[in-house]
Amino acid sequence: MQNDDQYFKKLSLMGKIKYYFSDNWKITIGIIFAVVIGVFLLKEVIGNKNYNSYCLVFNDSLNNDLFEQISNGFPKYLNDENYLINISNYDFIYLEEYGIMWPEEDKIDHVLMGIVPGLADIIISDYETIHWAIYKEYIQPIDLILPAELLEKLKPYFVHLNGILYGLNISDTEVYKRHSGNYKNAVILIPYVANQPDMYINFIRYIFGME
């Protein structure tokens, strides 16, 4: 009676494959699964870019034209081709009974967290959404953090709510008006978590075309 080794040697290629899988299918599936997971994790590691700054766009869904303009234009303005800015959009819904814009409930925590690990450095928003950002104490008055000389130049663009200077109207800037999406009245806001003064000052200068 021939042993297993002799039997295996006499099999055709397809027969050997079938024979192998009949006894080792669990191990093989495990190996394939491990390889797939490994490839996925490798892609995640390779694709995980180290961004220099983070920009949130409130309620301008899938405005890829604007996102591309900022992603390419801001590094050029800085004369740094290696500079990477992450741009993420969060959609809001209109609550008719209150007459305000509000994020969907399952996204509120995500919005408040900003972008992990860098959090948010700058925000572009429509006017209606500013009320939510103020209510949540997510943004800070810009006259408390921007240099006086810059504020003086930007006076025509001030956006006040409840007597407090919260933002700058960028609707008529060359950068924004050619790439506007769902809304025309856009405003720049600065979140409380912003911790890169050079970034948001340079970003504002970039948007307004300042040298």
Protein backbone atom coordinates (compact mmCIF):
# COMPACT_ATOMS: atom_id res chain seq x y z
CA MET A 1 0.00 0.00 0.00
CA GLN A 2 1.54 3.35 -1.09
CA ASN A 3 2.11 6.02 1.52
CA ASP A 4 0.89 9.62 1.30
CA ASP A 5 4.18 10.92 -0.15
CA GLN A 6 4.11 8.46 -3.02
CA TYR A 7 0.46 9.18 -3.68
CA PHE A 8 1.10 12.94 -3.70
CA LYS A 9 4.00 12.64 -6.17
CA LYS A 10 1.83 10.81 -8.68
CA LEU A 11 -0.87 13.48 -8.68
CA SER A 12 -1.19 16.10 -11.44
CA LEU A 13 -0.63 19.76 -10.60
CA MET A 14 -4.36 20.39 -10.14
CA GLY A 15 -4.62 17.16 -8.16
CA LYS A 16 -1.82 18.30 -5.85
CA ILE A 17 -3.55 21.65 -5.30
CA LYS A 18 -6.85 19.95 -4.48
CA TYR A 19 -5.10 17.51 -2.19
CA TYR A 20 -3.31 20.29 -0.36
CA PHE A 21 -6.46 22.38 0.14
CA SER A 22 -8.47 19.38 1.34
CA ASP A 23 -6.14 19.02 4.35
CA ASN A 24 -4.91 22.60 4.87
CA TRP A 25 -7.79 24.85 3.83
CA LYS A 26 -8.10 26.48 7.26
CA ILE A 27 -4.41 27.34 7.40
CA THR A 28 -4.49 28.62 3.82
CA ILE A 29 -7.48 30.87 4.44
CA GLY A 30 -5.77 32.18 7.54
CA ILE A 31 -2.63 33.01 5.56
CA ILE A 32 -4.63 34.72 2.81
CA PHE A 33 -6.56 36.72 5.40
CA ALA A 34 -3.32 37.77 7.13
CA VAL A 35 -1.80 38.84 3.79
CA VAL A 36 -4.89 40.93 2.89
CA ILE A 37 -4.86 42.63 6.30
CA GLY A 38 -1.12 43.23 5.99
CA VAL A 39 -1.49 44.85 2.57
CA PHE A 40 -4.33 47.04 3.86
CA LEU A 41 -2.29 48.20 6.87
CA LEU A 42 0.73 48.85 4.67
CA LYS A 43 -1.36 51.05 2.38
CA GLU A 44 -2.69 52.92 5.41
CA VAL A 45 0.82 53.57 6.69
CA ILE A 46 2.12 54.63 3.28
CA GLY A 47 -0.94 56.80 2.62
CA ASN A 48 -0.89 58.43 6.05
CA LYS A 49 0.55 61.85 5.25
CA ASN A 50 1.92 64.12 7.89
CA TYR A 51 -0.06 67.29 7.34
CA ASN A 52 1.33 70.66 8.35
CA SER A 53 -2.09 72.18 9.04
CA TYR A 54 -5.81 71.42 9.06
CA CYS A 55 -8.68 73.35 7.53
CA LEU A 56 -12.37 72.65 8.18
CA VAL A 57 -14.99 73.65 5.64
CA PHE A 58 -18.48 73.89 7.10
CA ASN A 59 -21.40 73.02 4.86
CA ASP A 60 -19.84 73.34 1.41
CA SER A 61 -20.26 69.71 0.46
CA LEU A 62 -17.84 68.14 -1.98
CA ASN A 63 -16.49 71.46 -3.23
CA ASN A 64 -13.46 69.78 -4.75
CA ASP A 65 -12.67 72.87 -6.80
CA LEU A 66 -12.14 74.94 -3.65
CA PHE A 67 -10.31 72.14 -1.87
CA GLU A 68 -7.90 71.71 -4.78
CA GLN A 69 -7.36 75.47 -5.04
CA ILE A 70 -6.36 75.69 -1.37
CA SER A 71 -4.32 72.47 -1.39
CA ASN A 72 -2.24 73.73 -4.31
CA GLY A 73 -2.45 77.49 -3.80
CA PHE A 74 -1.51 77.80 -0.14
CA PRO A 75 1.80 75.87 -0.44
CA LYS A 76 2.67 77.99 -3.50
CA TYR A 77 1.94 81.13 -1.50
CA LEU A 78 4.32 79.88 1.19
CA ASN A 79 6.92 78.93 -1.43
CA ASP A 80 6.99 75.47 0.12
CA GLU A 81 6.08 72.67 -2.28
CA ASN A 82 6.30 70.12 0.55
CA TYR A 83 3.70 71.87 2.68
CA LEU A 84 0.54 69.77 3.14
CA ILE A 85 -2.81 71.16 4.29
CA ASN A 86 -5.63 68.76 5.12
CA ILE A 87 -9.10 70.00 4.12
CA SER A 88 -12.22 68.29 5.49
CA ASN A 89 -15.84 69.20 4.90
CA TYR A 90 -18.71 68.74 7.35
CA ASP A 91 -22.29 68.96 6.14
CA PHE A 92 -24.98 70.68 8.18
CA ILE A 93 -28.76 70.51 7.91
CA TYR A 94 -31.26 73.35 8.13
CA LEU A 95 -33.55 73.16 11.17
CA GLU A 96 -36.60 74.99 9.88
CA GLU A 97 -38.32 75.33 13.26
CA TYR A 98 -35.30 77.22 14.64
CA GLY A 99 -34.12 78.81 11.40
CA ILE A 100 -30.53 77.71 11.90
CA MET A 101 -27.99 75.33 10.41
CA TRP A 102 -26.96 72.39 12.59
CA PRO A 103 -24.72 69.36 12.05
CA GLU A 104 -26.31 65.93 11.96
CA GLU A 105 -26.40 64.45 15.45
CA ASP A 106 -24.07 61.56 14.66
CA LYS A 107 -21.43 64.00 13.35
CA ILE A 108 -21.42 66.60 16.12
CA ASP A 109 -18.72 64.91 18.20
CA HIS A 110 -16.59 64.44 15.10
CA VAL A 111 -16.89 68.10 14.20
CA LEU A 112 -16.04 69.23 17.71
CA MET A 113 -12.97 67.02 17.76
CA GLY A 114 -11.73 68.70 14.61
CA ILE A 115 -9.09 66.71 12.83
CA VAL A 116 -7.06 64.21 14.83
CA PRO A 117 -4.19 64.49 15.60
CA GLY A 118 -3.75 68.12 14.60
CA LEU A 119 -7.17 69.56 15.38
CA ALA A 120 -8.32 72.53 13.32
CA ASP A 121 -6.21 75.56 12.49
CA ILE A 122 -8.69 77.50 10.33
CA ILE A 123 -12.36 77.28 9.30
CA ILE A 124 -14.25 78.36 6.18
CA SER A 125 -17.98 78.60 6.76
CA ASP A 126 -21.22 80.02 5.47
CA TYR A 127 -22.90 82.78 7.51
CA GLU A 128 -25.71 80.58 8.81
CA THR A 129 -23.34 78.08 10.38
CA ILE A 130 -21.46 80.73 12.39
CA HIS A 131 -24.33 80.80 14.89
CA TRP A 132 -23.79 77.12 15.69
CA ALA A 133 -20.03 77.60 16.05
CA ILE A 134 -20.58 80.49 18.49
CA TYR A 135 -23.24 78.58 20.45
CA LYS A 136 -20.82 75.68 20.86
CA GLU A 137 -18.00 78.07 21.75
CA TYR A 138 -15.98 76.53 18.96
CA ILE A 139 -14.58 79.78 17.54
CA GLN A 140 -12.85 82.76 19.08
CA PRO A 141 -13.04 86.51 18.40
CA ILE A 142 -10.38 87.28 15.83
CA ASP A 143 -9.51 90.73 17.19
CA LEU A 144 -8.08 89.00 20.26
CA ILE A 145 -5.55 86.98 18.30
CA LEU A 146 -4.72 88.69 14.99
CA PRO A 147 -2.03 91.40 14.83
CA ALA A 148 -3.34 94.97 14.95
CA GLU A 149 -1.72 95.91 11.62
CA LEU A 150 -3.45 92.99 9.88
CA LEU A 151 -6.81 93.80 11.45
CA GLU A 152 -6.51 97.39 10.26
CA LYS A 153 -6.11 96.24 6.65
CA LEU A 154 -9.04 93.85 6.93
CA LYS A 155 -11.62 96.25 8.41
CA PRO A 156 -13.86 96.23 5.30
CA TYR A 157 -14.29 92.48 5.70
CA PHE A 158 -15.19 92.29 9.39
CA VAL A 159 -18.08 89.99 10.33
CA HIS A 160 -19.69 90.82 13.69
CA LEU A 161 -22.25 88.75 15.55
CA ASN A 162 -23.77 90.05 18.77
CA GLY A 163 -21.29 92.92 18.63
CA ILE A 164 -18.28 90.59 18.62
CA LEU A 165 -15.80 90.30 15.75
CA TYR A 166 -15.82 86.62 14.88
CA GLY A 167 -14.73 86.43 11.25
CA LEU A 168 -13.75 87.88 7.91
CA ASN A 169 -15.89 87.90 4.78
CA ILE A 170 -13.90 86.24 1.98
CA SER A 171 -16.70 86.09 -0.58
CA ASP A 172 -15.14 88.65 -2.91
CA THR A 173 -11.54 87.43 -2.72
CA GLU A 174 -9.95 86.08 -5.89
CA VAL A 175 -9.16 82.77 -4.19
CA TYR A 176 -12.71 82.10 -3.04
CA LYS A 177 -15.11 83.69 -5.52
CA ARG A 178 -13.78 81.64 -8.45
CA HIS A 179 -14.20 78.43 -6.47
CA SER A 180 -17.35 79.04 -4.43
CA GLY A 181 -19.62 76.04 -4.02
CA ASN A 182 -22.96 75.86 -2.21
CA TYR A 183 -22.84 79.40 -0.85
CA LYS A 184 -21.52 82.80 -1.86
CA ASN A 185 -21.21 84.51 1.53
CA ALA A 186 -18.16 82.75 2.92
CA VAL A 187 -16.35 83.69 6.10
CA ILE A 188 -13.05 82.69 7.71
CA LEU A 189 -13.21 81.72 11.39
CA ILE A 190 -10.52 80.71 13.85
CA PRO A 191 -11.30 77.83 16.25
CA TYR A 192 -10.31 77.89 19.91
CA VAL A 193 -8.14 74.83 19.34
CA ALA A 194 -6.01 76.60 16.73
CA ASN A 195 -2.43 76.52 17.95
CA GLN A 196 -0.47 77.74 14.93
CA PRO A 197 -0.60 81.56 14.75
CA ASP A 198 1.77 81.67 11.78
CA MET A 199 -0.49 79.29 9.90
CA TYR A 200 -3.80 81.12 10.26
CA ILE A 201 -2.17 84.54 9.77
CA ASN A 202 -0.48 83.33 6.57
CA PHE A 203 -3.68 81.62 5.44
CA ILE A 204 -5.67 84.84 5.84
CA ARG A 205 -3.00 86.76 3.94
CA TYR A 206 -3.12 84.11 1.21
CA ILE A 207 -6.91 84.30 0.89
CA PHE A 208 -6.86 88.09 0.65
CA GLY A 209 -3.91 88.14 -1.75
CA MET A 210 -1.57 90.01 0.59
CA GLU A 211 2.19 89.97 0.13
